[in-house]
Amino acid sequence: MAKITYVEFNGTRHEIDVKPGMTVMEGARDNGVPGIDADCGGACACSTCHVYVDKDWIEKLPPRDPMEEDMLDFAYEPDPVTSRLTCQIKVTDELDGLIVNLPEKQI
């Protein structure tokens, strides 16, 4: 299991054990973390699972693919460096300790 910390816009933290092979979005959805809407169910067809990855973790994640880049254009206040779609981040043991910050809202 990898412990992922989801930080709501108001500062509330949710530390969730997520099974490797799942996505960061599935970990949030399955554990009722507010602020990850995941309207498309993880198909990378919306931006409602947008987060800002903690700067210490940016280089440890695989790069964004072109489809994720395109969908981030629709996210609320995307950051060119830290924004990611959680449906596109597969959990591995190496992601134990990952911290993601949720935006003020999802669109």
PDB file of N, CA and C in Angstrom:
ATOM      1  N   MET A   1       0.832  -1.183   0.000  1.00  0.00           N
ATOM      2  CA  MET A   1       0.000   0.000   0.000  1.00  0.00           C
ATOM      3  C   MET A   1       0.879   1.250   0.000  1.00  0.00           C
ATOM      4  N   ALA A   2       0.377   2.260  -0.654  1.00  0.00           N
ATOM      5  CA  ALA A   2       1.047   3.559  -0.657  1.00  0.00           C
ATOM      6  C   ALA A   2       0.138   4.550   0.060  1.00  0.00           C
ATOM      7  N   LYS A   3       0.691   5.291   0.989  1.00  0.00           N
ATOM      8  CA  LYS A   3      -0.073   6.311   1.688  1.00  0.00           C
ATOM      9  C   LYS A   3      -0.045   7.584   0.849  1.00  0.00           C
ATOM     10  N   ILE A   4      -1.220   8.022   0.409  1.00  0.00           N
ATOM     11  CA  ILE A   4      -1.371   9.242  -0.375  1.00  0.00           C
ATOM     12  C   ILE A   4      -2.080  10.258   0.511  1.00  0.00           C
ATOM     13  N   THR A   5      -1.555  11.484   0.559  1.00  0.00           N
ATOM     14  CA  THR A   5      -2.186  12.546   1.325  1.00  0.00           C
ATOM     15  C   THR A   5      -2.874  13.506   0.366  1.00  0.00           C
ATOM     16  N   TYR A   6      -4.176  13.634   0.525  1.00  0.00           N
ATOM     17  CA  TYR A   6      -4.998  14.550  -0.259  1.00  0.00           C
ATOM     18  C   TYR A   6      -5.294  15.743   0.641  1.00  0.00           C
ATOM     19  N   VAL A   7      -4.941  16.946   0.189  1.00  0.00           N
ATOM     20  CA  VAL A   7      -5.150  18.141   0.993  1.00  0.00           C
ATOM     21  C   VAL A   7      -6.231  18.986   0.323  1.00  0.00           C
ATOM     22  N   GLU A   8      -7.365  19.118   1.019  1.00  0.00           N
ATOM     23  CA  GLU A   8      -8.452  19.941   0.494  1.00  0.00           C
ATOM     24  C   GLU A   8      -8.014  21.394   0.430  1.00  0.00           C
ATOM     25  N   PHE A   9      -8.719  22.192  -0.333  1.00  0.00           N
ATOM     26  CA  PHE A   9      -8.410  23.612  -0.490  1.00  0.00           C
ATOM     27  C   PHE A   9      -8.415  24.335   0.854  1.00  0.00           C
ATOM     28  N   ASN A  10      -9.273  23.879   1.783  1.00  0.00           N
ATOM     29  CA  ASN A  10      -9.351  24.509   3.103  1.00  0.00           C
ATOM     30  C   ASN A  10      -8.287  24.008   4.074  1.00  0.00           C
ATOM     31  N   GLY A  11      -7.423  23.097   3.622  1.00  0.00           N
ATOM     32  CA  GLY A  11      -6.334  22.590   4.454  1.00  0.00           C
ATOM     33  C   GLY A  11      -6.596  21.244   5.110  1.00  0.00           C
ATOM     34  N   THR A  12      -7.814  20.746   5.040  1.00  0.00           N
ATOM     35  CA  THR A  12      -8.130  19.441   5.620  1.00  0.00           C
ATOM     36  C   THR A  12      -7.346  18.357   4.895  1.00  0.00           C
ATOM     37  N   ARG A  13      -6.681  17.507   5.665  1.00  0.00           N
ATOM     38  CA  ARG A  13      -5.842  16.452   5.098  1.00  0.00           C
ATOM     39  C   ARG A  13      -6.527  15.092   5.233  1.00  0.00           C
ATOM     40  N   HIS A  14      -6.392  14.289   4.187  1.00  0.00           N
ATOM     41  CA  HIS A  14      -6.904  12.926   4.178  1.00  0.00           C
ATOM     42  C   HIS A  14      -5.736  12.018   3.815  1.00  0.00           C
ATOM     43  N   GLU A  15      -5.272  11.210   4.763  1.00  0.00           N
ATOM     44  CA  GLU A  15      -4.204  10.247   4.485  1.00  0.00           C
ATOM     45  C   GLU A  15      -4.860   8.904   4.201  1.00  0.00           C
ATOM     46  N   ILE A  16      -4.684   8.429   2.974  1.00  0.00           N
ATOM     47  CA  ILE A  16      -5.383   7.229   2.503  1.00  0.00           C
ATOM     48  C   ILE A  16      -4.359   6.199   2.032  1.00  0.00           C
ATOM     49  N   ASP A  17      -4.535   4.959   2.459  1.00  0.00           N
ATOM     50  CA  ASP A  17      -3.734   3.860   1.926  1.00  0.00           C
ATOM     51  C   ASP A  17      -4.379   3.420   0.621  1.00  0.00           C
ATOM     52  N   VAL A  18      -3.600   3.501  -0.458  1.00  0.00           N
ATOM     53  CA  VAL A  18      -4.115   3.161  -1.785  1.00  0.00           C
ATOM     54  C   VAL A  18      -3.315   1.980  -2.321  1.00  0.00           C
ATOM     55  N   LYS A  19      -4.030   0.996  -2.811  1.00  0.00           N
ATOM     56  CA  LYS A  19      -3.423  -0.228  -3.326  1.00  0.00           C
ATOM     57  C   LYS A  19      -2.685   0.050  -4.642  1.00  0.00           C
ATOM     58  N   PRO A  20      -1.460  -0.443  -4.780  1.00  0.00           N
ATOM     59  CA  PRO A  20      -0.760  -0.308  -6.061  1.00  0.00           C
ATOM     60  C   PRO A  20      -1.588  -0.874  -7.197  1.00  0.00           C
ATOM     61  N   GLY A  21      -1.535  -0.179  -8.334  1.00  0.00           N
ATOM     62  CA  GLY A  21      -2.330  -0.563  -9.501  1.00  0.00           C
ATOM     63  C   GLY A  21      -3.569   0.294  -9.662  1.00  0.00           C
ATOM     64  N   MET A  22      -4.044   0.852  -8.552  1.00  0.00           N
ATOM     65  CA  MET A  22      -5.171   1.785  -8.635  1.00  0.00           C
ATOM     66  C   MET A  22      -4.623   3.141  -9.066  1.00  0.00           C
ATOM     67  N   THR A  23      -5.503   4.071  -9.355  1.00  0.00           N
ATOM     68  CA  THR A  23      -5.058   5.432  -9.638  1.00  0.00           C
ATOM     69  C   THR A  23      -5.247   6.283  -8.386  1.00  0.00           C
ATOM     70  N   VAL A  24      -4.574   7.421  -8.367  1.00  0.00           N
ATOM     71  CA  VAL A  24      -4.733   8.357  -7.261  1.00  0.00           C
ATOM     72  C   VAL A  24      -6.194   8.814  -7.188  1.00  0.00           C
ATOM     73  N   MET A  25      -6.851   8.960  -8.336  1.00  0.00           N
ATOM     74  CA  MET A  25      -8.268   9.323  -8.366  1.00  0.00           C
ATOM     75  C   MET A  25      -9.130   8.242  -7.715  1.00  0.00           C
ATOM     76  N   GLU A  26      -8.884   6.989  -8.033  1.00  0.00           N
ATOM     77  CA  GLU A  26      -9.672   5.895  -7.455  1.00  0.00           C
ATOM     78  C   GLU A  26      -9.507   5.849  -5.942  1.00  0.00           C
ATOM     79  N   GLY A  27      -8.305   6.110  -5.463  1.00  0.00           N
ATOM     80  CA  GLY A  27      -8.074   6.155  -4.023  1.00  0.00           C
ATOM     81  C   GLY A  27      -8.926   7.218  -3.357  1.00  0.00           C
ATOM     82  N   ALA A  28      -9.019   8.385  -3.975  1.00  0.00           N
ATOM     83  CA  ALA A  28      -9.838   9.467  -3.423  1.00  0.00           C
ATOM     84  C   ALA A  28     -11.321   9.121  -3.510  1.00  0.00           C
ATOM     85  N   ARG A  29     -11.751   8.686  -4.673  1.00  0.00           N
ATOM     86  CA  ARG A  29     -13.165   8.362  -4.896  1.00  0.00           C
ATOM     87  C   ARG A  29     -13.647   7.262  -3.954  1.00  0.00           C
ATOM     88  N   ASP A  30     -12.874   6.204  -3.836  1.00  0.00           N
ATOM     89  CA  ASP A  30     -13.286   5.062  -3.031  1.00  0.00           C
ATOM     90  C   ASP A  30     -13.280   5.350  -1.538  1.00  0.00           C
ATOM     91  N   ASN A  31     -12.621   6.439  -1.145  1.00  0.00           N
ATOM     92  CA  ASN A  31     -12.535   6.789   0.270  1.00  0.00           C
ATOM     93  C   ASN A  31     -13.252   8.099   0.597  1.00  0.00           C
ATOM     94  N   GLY A  32     -14.061   8.576  -0.334  1.00  0.00           N
ATOM     95  CA  GLY A  32     -14.907   9.730  -0.073  1.00  0.00           C
ATOM     96  C   GLY A  32     -14.181  11.044   0.144  1.00  0.00           C
ATOM     97  N   VAL A  33     -13.032  11.210  -0.498  1.00  0.00           N
ATOM     98  CA  VAL A  33     -12.319  12.479  -0.373  1.00  0.00           C
ATOM     99  C   VAL A  33     -13.082  13.543  -1.160  1.00  0.00           C
ATOM    100  N   PRO A  34     -13.564  14.597  -0.486  1.00  0.00           N
ATOM    101  CA  PRO A  34     -14.290  15.639  -1.207  1.00  0.00           C
ATOM    102  C   PRO A  34     -13.357  16.451  -2.096  1.00  0.00           C
ATOM    103  N   GLY A  35     -13.873  16.863  -3.251  1.00  0.00           N
ATOM    104  CA  GLY A  35     -13.084  17.702  -4.148  1.00  0.00           C
ATOM    105  C   GLY A  35     -12.509  16.979  -5.344  1.00  0.00           C
ATOM    106  N   ILE A  36     -12.613  15.657  -5.378  1.00  0.00           N
ATOM    107  CA  ILE A  36     -12.241  14.878  -6.560  1.00  0.00           C
ATOM    108  C   ILE A  36     -13.556  14.354  -7.131  1.00  0.00           C
ATOM    109  N   ASP A  37     -14.070  15.053  -8.132  1.00  0.00           N
ATOM    110  CA  ASP A  37     -15.381  14.697  -8.677  1.00  0.00           C
ATOM    111  C   ASP A  37     -15.310  13.499  -9.624  1.00  0.00           C
ATOM    112  N   ALA A  38     -14.277  13.444 -10.457  1.00  0.00           N
ATOM    113  CA  ALA A  38     -14.069  12.314 -11.374  1.00  0.00           C
ATOM    114  C   ALA A  38     -15.310  12.013 -12.208  1.00  0.00           C
ATOM    115  N   ASP A  39     -15.852  13.037 -12.829  1.00  0.00           N
ATOM    116  CA  ASP A  39     -17.088  12.888 -13.595  1.00  0.00           C
ATOM    117  C   ASP A  39     -16.995  11.856 -14.714  1.00  0.00           C
ATOM    118  N   CYS A  40     -15.836  11.705 -15.336  1.00  0.00           N
ATOM    119  CA  CYS A  40     -15.722  10.763 -16.452  1.00  0.00           C
ATOM    120  C   CYS A  40     -15.320   9.366 -15.994  1.00  0.00           C
ATOM    121  N   GLY A  41     -15.142   9.180 -14.698  1.00  0.00           N
ATOM    122  CA  GLY A  41     -14.808   7.863 -14.174  1.00  0.00           C
ATOM    123  C   GLY A  41     -13.391   7.411 -14.435  1.00  0.00           C
ATOM    124  N   GLY A  42     -12.532   8.317 -14.843  1.00  0.00           N
ATOM    125  CA  GLY A  42     -11.127   7.969 -15.048  1.00  0.00           C
ATOM    126  C   GLY A  42     -10.739   7.778 -16.495  1.00  0.00           C
ATOM    127  N   ALA A  43     -11.567   8.230 -17.427  1.00  0.00           N
ATOM    128  CA  ALA A  43     -11.295   8.046 -18.853  1.00  0.00           C
ATOM    129  C   ALA A  43     -10.457   9.172 -19.460  1.00  0.00           C
ATOM    130  N   CYS A  44      -9.996  10.095 -18.636  1.00  0.00           N
ATOM    131  CA  CYS A  44      -9.234  11.260 -19.108  1.00  0.00           C
ATOM    132  C   CYS A  44     -10.038  12.052 -20.138  1.00  0.00           C
ATOM    133  N   ALA A  45     -11.342  12.196 -19.829  1.00  0.00           N
ATOM    134  CA  ALA A  45     -12.239  12.915 -20.734  1.00  0.00           C
ATOM    135  C   ALA A  45     -12.814  14.170 -20.067  1.00  0.00           C
ATOM    136  N   CYS A  46     -12.271  14.543 -18.910  1.00  0.00           N
ATOM    137  CA  CYS A  46     -12.692  15.764 -18.225  1.00  0.00           C
ATOM    138  C   CYS A  46     -11.517  16.230 -17.371  1.00  0.00           C
ATOM    139  N   SER A  47     -11.751  17.230 -16.569  1.00  0.00           N
ATOM    140  CA  SER A  47     -10.662  17.716 -15.707  1.00  0.00           C
ATOM    141  C   SER A  47     -11.087  17.761 -14.248  1.00  0.00           C
ATOM    142  N   THR A  48     -12.098  16.978 -13.873  1.00  0.00           N
ATOM    143  CA  THR A  48     -12.661  17.085 -12.532  1.00  0.00           C
ATOM    144  C   THR A  48     -11.939  16.243 -11.475  1.00  0.00           C
ATOM    145  N   CYS A  49     -10.765  15.749 -11.815  1.00  0.00           N
ATOM    146  CA  CYS A  49      -9.924  15.085 -10.816  1.00  0.00           C
ATOM    147  C   CYS A  49      -8.566  15.795 -10.736  1.00  0.00           C
ATOM    148  N   HIS A  50      -8.572  17.060 -11.132  1.00  0.00           N
ATOM    149  CA  HIS A  50      -7.376  17.895 -11.160  1.00  0.00           C
ATOM    150  C   HIS A  50      -6.834  18.135  -9.751  1.00  0.00           C
ATOM    151  N   VAL A  51      -5.509  18.062  -9.606  1.00  0.00           N
ATOM    152  CA  VAL A  51      -4.822  18.403  -8.356  1.00  0.00           C
ATOM    153  C   VAL A  51      -3.514  19.116  -8.678  1.00  0.00           C
ATOM    154  N   TYR A  52      -2.941  19.691  -7.641  1.00  0.00           N
ATOM    155  CA  TYR A  52      -1.586  20.236  -7.704  1.00  0.00           C
ATOM    156  C   TYR A  52      -0.697  19.288  -6.915  1.00  0.00           C
ATOM    157  N   VAL A  53       0.269  18.679  -7.591  1.00  0.00           N
ATOM    158  CA  VAL A  53       1.175  17.741  -6.943  1.00  0.00           C
ATOM    159  C   VAL A  53       2.208  18.535  -6.150  1.00  0.00           C
ATOM    160  N   ASP A  54       2.471  18.088  -4.927  1.00  0.00           N
ATOM    161  CA  ASP A  54       3.494  18.723  -4.103  1.00  0.00           C
ATOM    162  C   ASP A  54       4.808  18.774  -4.882  1.00  0.00           C
ATOM    163  N   LYS A  55       5.481  19.907  -4.811  1.00  0.00           N
ATOM    164  CA  LYS A  55       6.689  20.134  -5.612  1.00  0.00           C
ATOM    165  C   LYS A  55       7.762  19.064  -5.410  1.00  0.00           C
ATOM    166  N   ASP A  56       7.842  18.475  -4.225  1.00  0.00           N
ATOM    167  CA  ASP A  56       8.837  17.428  -3.969  1.00  0.00           C
ATOM    168  C   ASP A  56       8.554  16.145  -4.746  1.00  0.00           C
ATOM    169  N   TRP A  57       7.370  16.017  -5.297  1.00  0.00           N
ATOM    170  CA  TRP A  57       6.961  14.796  -5.990  1.00  0.00           C
ATOM    171  C   TRP A  57       6.899  14.925  -7.499  1.00  0.00           C
ATOM    172  N   ILE A  58       7.000  16.124  -8.023  1.00  0.00           N
ATOM    173  CA  ILE A  58       6.845  16.344  -9.466  1.00  0.00           C
ATOM    174  C   ILE A  58       7.772  15.451 -10.288  1.00  0.00           C
ATOM    175  N   GLU A  59       9.033  15.434  -9.956  1.00  0.00           N
ATOM    176  CA  GLU A  59      10.021  14.674 -10.734  1.00  0.00           C
ATOM    177  C   GLU A  59       9.909  13.170 -10.532  1.00  0.00           C
ATOM    178  N   LYS A  60       9.181  12.735  -9.520  1.00  0.00           N
ATOM    179  CA  LYS A  60       9.047  11.306  -9.228  1.00  0.00           C
ATOM    180  C   LYS A  60       7.888  10.664  -9.985  1.00  0.00           C
ATOM    181  N   LEU A  61       7.057  11.498 -10.615  1.00  0.00           N
ATOM    182  CA  LEU A  61       5.909  10.986 -11.369  1.00  0.00           C
ATOM    183  C   LEU A  61       6.263  10.839 -12.842  1.00  0.00           C
ATOM    184  N   PRO A  62       5.618   9.915 -13.524  1.00  0.00           N
ATOM    185  CA  PRO A  62       5.812   9.846 -14.977  1.00  0.00           C
ATOM    186  C   PRO A  62       5.296  11.139 -15.612  1.00  0.00           C
ATOM    187  N   PRO A  63       5.849  11.519 -16.745  1.00  0.00           N
ATOM    188  CA  PRO A  63       5.400  12.767 -17.383  1.00  0.00           C
ATOM    189  C   PRO A  63       3.959  12.663 -17.874  1.00  0.00           C
ATOM    190  N   ARG A  64       3.357  13.817 -18.049  1.00  0.00           N
ATOM    191  CA  ARG A  64       1.998  13.882 -18.602  1.00  0.00           C
ATOM    192  C   ARG A  64       2.036  13.449 -20.063  1.00  0.00           C
ATOM    193  N   ASP A  65       1.017  12.711 -20.483  1.00  0.00           N
ATOM    194  CA  ASP A  65       0.922  12.389 -21.908  1.00  0.00           C
ATOM    195  C   ASP A  65       0.106  13.481 -22.596  1.00  0.00           C
ATOM    196  N   PRO A  66       0.093  13.509 -23.916  1.00  0.00           N
ATOM    197  CA  PRO A  66      -0.610  14.578 -24.632  1.00  0.00           C
ATOM    198  C   PRO A  66      -2.101  14.691 -24.293  1.00  0.00           C
ATOM    199  N   MET A  67      -2.773  13.574 -24.058  1.00  0.00           N
ATOM    200  CA  MET A  67      -4.202  13.636 -23.740  1.00  0.00           C
ATOM    201  C   MET A  67      -4.417  14.336 -22.390  1.00  0.00           C
ATOM    202  N   GLU A  68      -3.587  14.021 -21.408  1.00  0.00           N
ATOM    203  CA  GLU A  68      -3.699  14.682 -20.109  1.00  0.00           C
ATOM    204  C   GLU A  68      -3.407  16.177 -20.243  1.00  0.00           C
ATOM    205  N   GLU A  69      -2.391  16.516 -21.027  1.00  0.00           N
ATOM    206  CA  GLU A  69      -2.069  17.936 -21.271  1.00  0.00           C
ATOM    207  C   GLU A  69      -3.287  18.660 -21.837  1.00  0.00           C
ATOM    208  N   ASP A  70      -3.956  18.040 -22.807  1.00  0.00           N
ATOM    209  CA  ASP A  70      -5.131  18.660 -23.416  1.00  0.00           C
ATOM    210  C   ASP A  70      -6.255  18.859 -22.401  1.00  0.00           C
ATOM    211  N   MET A  71      -6.512  17.867 -21.570  1.00  0.00           N
ATOM    212  CA  MET A  71      -7.599  17.968 -20.592  1.00  0.00           C
ATOM    213  C   MET A  71      -7.285  18.995 -19.504  1.00  0.00           C
ATOM    214  N   LEU A  72      -6.016  19.162 -19.174  1.00  0.00           N
ATOM    215  CA  LEU A  72      -5.654  20.158 -18.156  1.00  0.00           C
ATOM    216  C   LEU A  72      -5.967  21.583 -18.610  1.00  0.00           C
ATOM    217  N   ASP A  73      -6.093  21.791 -19.915  1.00  0.00           N
ATOM    218  CA  ASP A  73      -6.493  23.109 -20.415  1.00  0.00           C
ATOM    219  C   ASP A  73      -7.884  23.498 -19.911  1.00  0.00           C
ATOM    220  N   PHE A  74      -8.695  22.519 -19.530  1.00  0.00           N
ATOM    221  CA  PHE A  74     -10.054  22.770 -19.067  1.00  0.00           C
ATOM    222  C   PHE A  74     -10.158  22.836 -17.545  1.00  0.00           C
ATOM    223  N   ALA A  75      -9.053  22.582 -16.844  1.00  0.00           N
ATOM    224  CA  ALA A  75      -9.062  22.573 -15.380  1.00  0.00           C
ATOM    225  C   ALA A  75      -9.154  23.990 -14.824  1.00  0.00           C
ATOM    226  N   TYR A  76      -9.603  24.086 -13.580  1.00  0.00           N
ATOM    227  CA  TYR A  76      -9.669  25.367 -12.886  1.00  0.00           C
ATOM    228  C   TYR A  76      -8.261  25.778 -12.455  1.00  0.00           C
ATOM    229  N   GLU A  77      -7.795  26.896 -12.949  1.00  0.00           N
ATOM    230  CA  GLU A  77      -6.491  27.477 -12.617  1.00  0.00           C
ATOM    231  C   GLU A  77      -5.352  26.449 -12.659  1.00  0.00           C
ATOM    232  N   PRO A  78      -5.124  25.830 -13.819  1.00  0.00           N
ATOM    233  CA  PRO A  78      -4.039  24.855 -13.909  1.00  0.00           C
ATOM    234  C   PRO A  78      -2.671  25.521 -13.759  1.00  0.00           C
ATOM    235  N   ASP A  79      -1.768  24.789 -13.167  1.00  0.00           N
ATOM    236  CA  ASP A  79      -0.387  25.237 -13.019  1.00  0.00           C
ATOM    237  C   ASP A  79       0.458  24.459 -14.025  1.00  0.00           C
ATOM    238  N   PRO A  80       1.296  25.129 -14.798  1.00  0.00           N
ATOM    239  CA  PRO A  80       2.043  24.426 -15.843  1.00  0.00           C
ATOM    240  C   PRO A  80       3.021  23.370 -15.317  1.00  0.00           C
ATOM    241  N   VAL A  81       3.392  23.467 -14.052  1.00  0.00           N
ATOM    242  CA  VAL A  81       4.357  22.516 -13.490  1.00  0.00           C
ATOM    243  C   VAL A  81       3.684  21.475 -12.599  1.00  0.00           C
ATOM    244  N   THR A  82       2.797  21.904 -11.704  1.00  0.00           N
ATOM    245  CA  THR A  82       2.299  20.993 -10.669  1.00  0.00           C
ATOM    246  C   THR A  82       0.935  20.362 -10.958  1.00  0.00           C
ATOM    247  N   SER A  83       0.201  20.854 -11.941  1.00  0.00           N
ATOM    248  CA  SER A  83      -1.130  20.303 -12.205  1.00  0.00           C
ATOM    249  C   SER A  83      -1.055  18.919 -12.834  1.00  0.00           C
ATOM    250  N   ARG A  84      -1.895  18.033 -12.308  1.00  0.00           N
ATOM    251  CA  ARG A  84      -2.044  16.692 -12.865  1.00  0.00           C
ATOM    252  C   ARG A  84      -3.495  16.261 -12.734  1.00  0.00           C
ATOM    253  N   LEU A  85      -3.876  15.292 -13.563  1.00  0.00           N
ATOM    254  CA  LEU A  85      -5.166  14.636 -13.422  1.00  0.00           C
ATOM    255  C   LEU A  85      -4.906  13.338 -12.665  1.00  0.00           C
ATOM    256  N   THR A  86      -5.584  13.164 -11.542  1.00  0.00           N
ATOM    257  CA  THR A  86      -5.305  12.004 -10.698  1.00  0.00           C
ATOM    258  C   THR A  86      -5.697  10.684 -11.345  1.00  0.00           C
ATOM    259  N   CYS A  87      -6.572  10.728 -12.349  1.00  0.00           N
ATOM    260  CA  CYS A  87      -6.934   9.490 -13.051  1.00  0.00           C
ATOM    261  C   CYS A  87      -5.772   8.964 -13.888  1.00  0.00           C
ATOM    262  N   GLN A  88      -4.774   9.795 -14.106  1.00  0.00           N
ATOM    263  CA  GLN A  88      -3.641   9.411 -14.948  1.00  0.00           C
ATOM    264  C   GLN A  88      -2.390   9.047 -14.148  1.00  0.00           C
ATOM    265  N   ILE A  89      -2.507   9.024 -12.826  1.00  0.00           N
ATOM    266  CA  ILE A  89      -1.370   8.668 -11.978  1.00  0.00           C
ATOM    267  C   ILE A  89      -1.637   7.304 -11.357  1.00  0.00           C
ATOM    268  N   LYS A  90      -0.947   6.294 -11.859  1.00  0.00           N
ATOM    269  CA  LYS A  90      -1.059   4.940 -11.307  1.00  0.00           C
ATOM    270  C   LYS A  90      -0.244   4.857 -10.029  1.00  0.00           C
ATOM    271  N   VAL A  91      -0.838   4.294  -9.003  1.00  0.00           N
ATOM    272  CA  VAL A  91      -0.164   4.154  -7.712  1.00  0.00           C
ATOM    273  C   VAL A  91       0.809   2.986  -7.764  1.00  0.00           C
ATOM    274  N   THR A  92       2.009   3.237  -7.276  1.00  0.00           N
ATOM    275  CA  THR A  92       3.044   2.214  -7.099  1.00  0.00           C
ATOM    276  C   THR A  92       3.568   2.365  -5.674  1.00  0.00           C
ATOM    277  N   ASP A  93       4.333   1.378  -5.214  1.00  0.00           N
ATOM    278  CA  ASP A  93       4.935   1.470  -3.886  1.00  0.00           C
ATOM    279  C   ASP A  93       5.849   2.696  -3.774  1.00  0.00           C
ATOM    280  N   GLU A  94       6.426   3.095  -4.893  1.00  0.00           N
ATOM    281  CA  GLU A  94       7.325   4.246  -4.899  1.00  0.00           C
ATOM    282  C   GLU A  94       6.605   5.563  -4.633  1.00  0.00           C
ATOM    283  N   LEU A  95       5.283   5.565  -4.755  1.00  0.00           N
ATOM    284  CA  LEU A  95       4.516   6.785  -4.501  1.00  0.00           C
ATOM    285  C   LEU A  95       4.069   6.906  -3.046  1.00  0.00           C
ATOM    286  N   ASP A  96       4.552   6.008  -2.179  1.00  0.00           N
ATOM    287  CA  ASP A  96       4.228   6.099  -0.756  1.00  0.00           C
ATOM    288  C   ASP A  96       4.686   7.456  -0.221  1.00  0.00           C
ATOM    289  N   GLY A  97       3.746   8.230   0.311  1.00  0.00           N
ATOM    290  CA  GLY A  97       4.046   9.556   0.830  1.00  0.00           C
ATOM    291  C   GLY A  97       3.645  10.690  -0.099  1.00  0.00           C
ATOM    292  N   LEU A  98       3.135  10.372  -1.290  1.00  0.00           N
ATOM    293  CA  LEU A  98       2.712  11.387  -2.252  1.00  0.00           C
ATOM    294  C   LEU A  98       1.707  12.349  -1.617  1.00  0.00           C
ATOM    295  N   ILE A  99       1.875  13.638  -1.899  1.00  0.00           N
ATOM    296  CA  ILE A  99       0.962  14.669  -1.412  1.00  0.00           C
ATOM    297  C   ILE A  99       0.388  15.404  -2.613  1.00  0.00           C
ATOM    298  N   VAL A 100      -0.940  15.490  -2.660  1.00  0.00           N
ATOM    299  CA  VAL A 100      -1.610  16.251  -3.711  1.00  0.00           C
ATOM    300  C   VAL A 100      -2.542  17.268  -3.061  1.00  0.00           C
ATOM    301  N   ASN A 101      -2.586  18.460  -3.639  1.00  0.00           N
ATOM    302  CA  ASN A 101      -3.414  19.550  -3.131  1.00  0.00           C
ATOM    303  C   ASN A 101      -4.559  19.802  -4.101  1.00  0.00           C
ATOM    304  N   LEU A 102      -5.775  19.855  -3.555  1.00  0.00           N
ATOM    305  CA  LEU A 102      -6.950  20.045  -4.398  1.00  0.00           C
ATOM    306  C   LEU A 102      -7.185  21.515  -4.676  1.00  0.00           C
ATOM    307  N   PRO A 103      -7.663  21.818  -5.888  1.00  0.00           N
ATOM    308  CA  PRO A 103      -7.973  23.212  -6.214  1.00  0.00           C
ATOM    309  C   PRO A 103      -9.215  23.683  -5.464  1.00  0.00           C
ATOM    310  N   GLU A 104      -9.475  24.967  -5.561  1.00  0.00           N
ATOM    311  CA  GLU A 104     -10.650  25.556  -4.909  1.00  0.00           C
ATOM    312  C   GLU A 104     -11.942  24.914  -5.408  1.00  0.00           C
ATOM    313  N   LYS A 105     -11.959  24.574  -6.709  1.00  0.00           N
ATOM    314  CA  LYS A 105     -13.142  23.918  -7.283  1.00  0.00           C
ATOM    315  C   LYS A 105     -12.713  23.124  -8.504  1.00  0.00           C
ATOM    316  N   GLN A 106     -13.595  22.252  -8.949  1.00  0.00           N
ATOM    317  CA  GLN A 106     -13.389  21.477 -10.165  1.00  0.00           C
ATOM    318  C   GLN A 106     -14.371  21.990 -11.208  1.00  0.00           C
ATOM    319  N   ILE A 107     -13.927  22.054 -12.464  1.00  0.00           N
ATOM    320  CA  ILE A 107     -14.832  22.470 -13.526  1.00  0.00           C
ATOM    321  C   ILE A 107     -14.733  21.504 -14.684  1.00  0.00           C
TER     322      ILE A 107
END
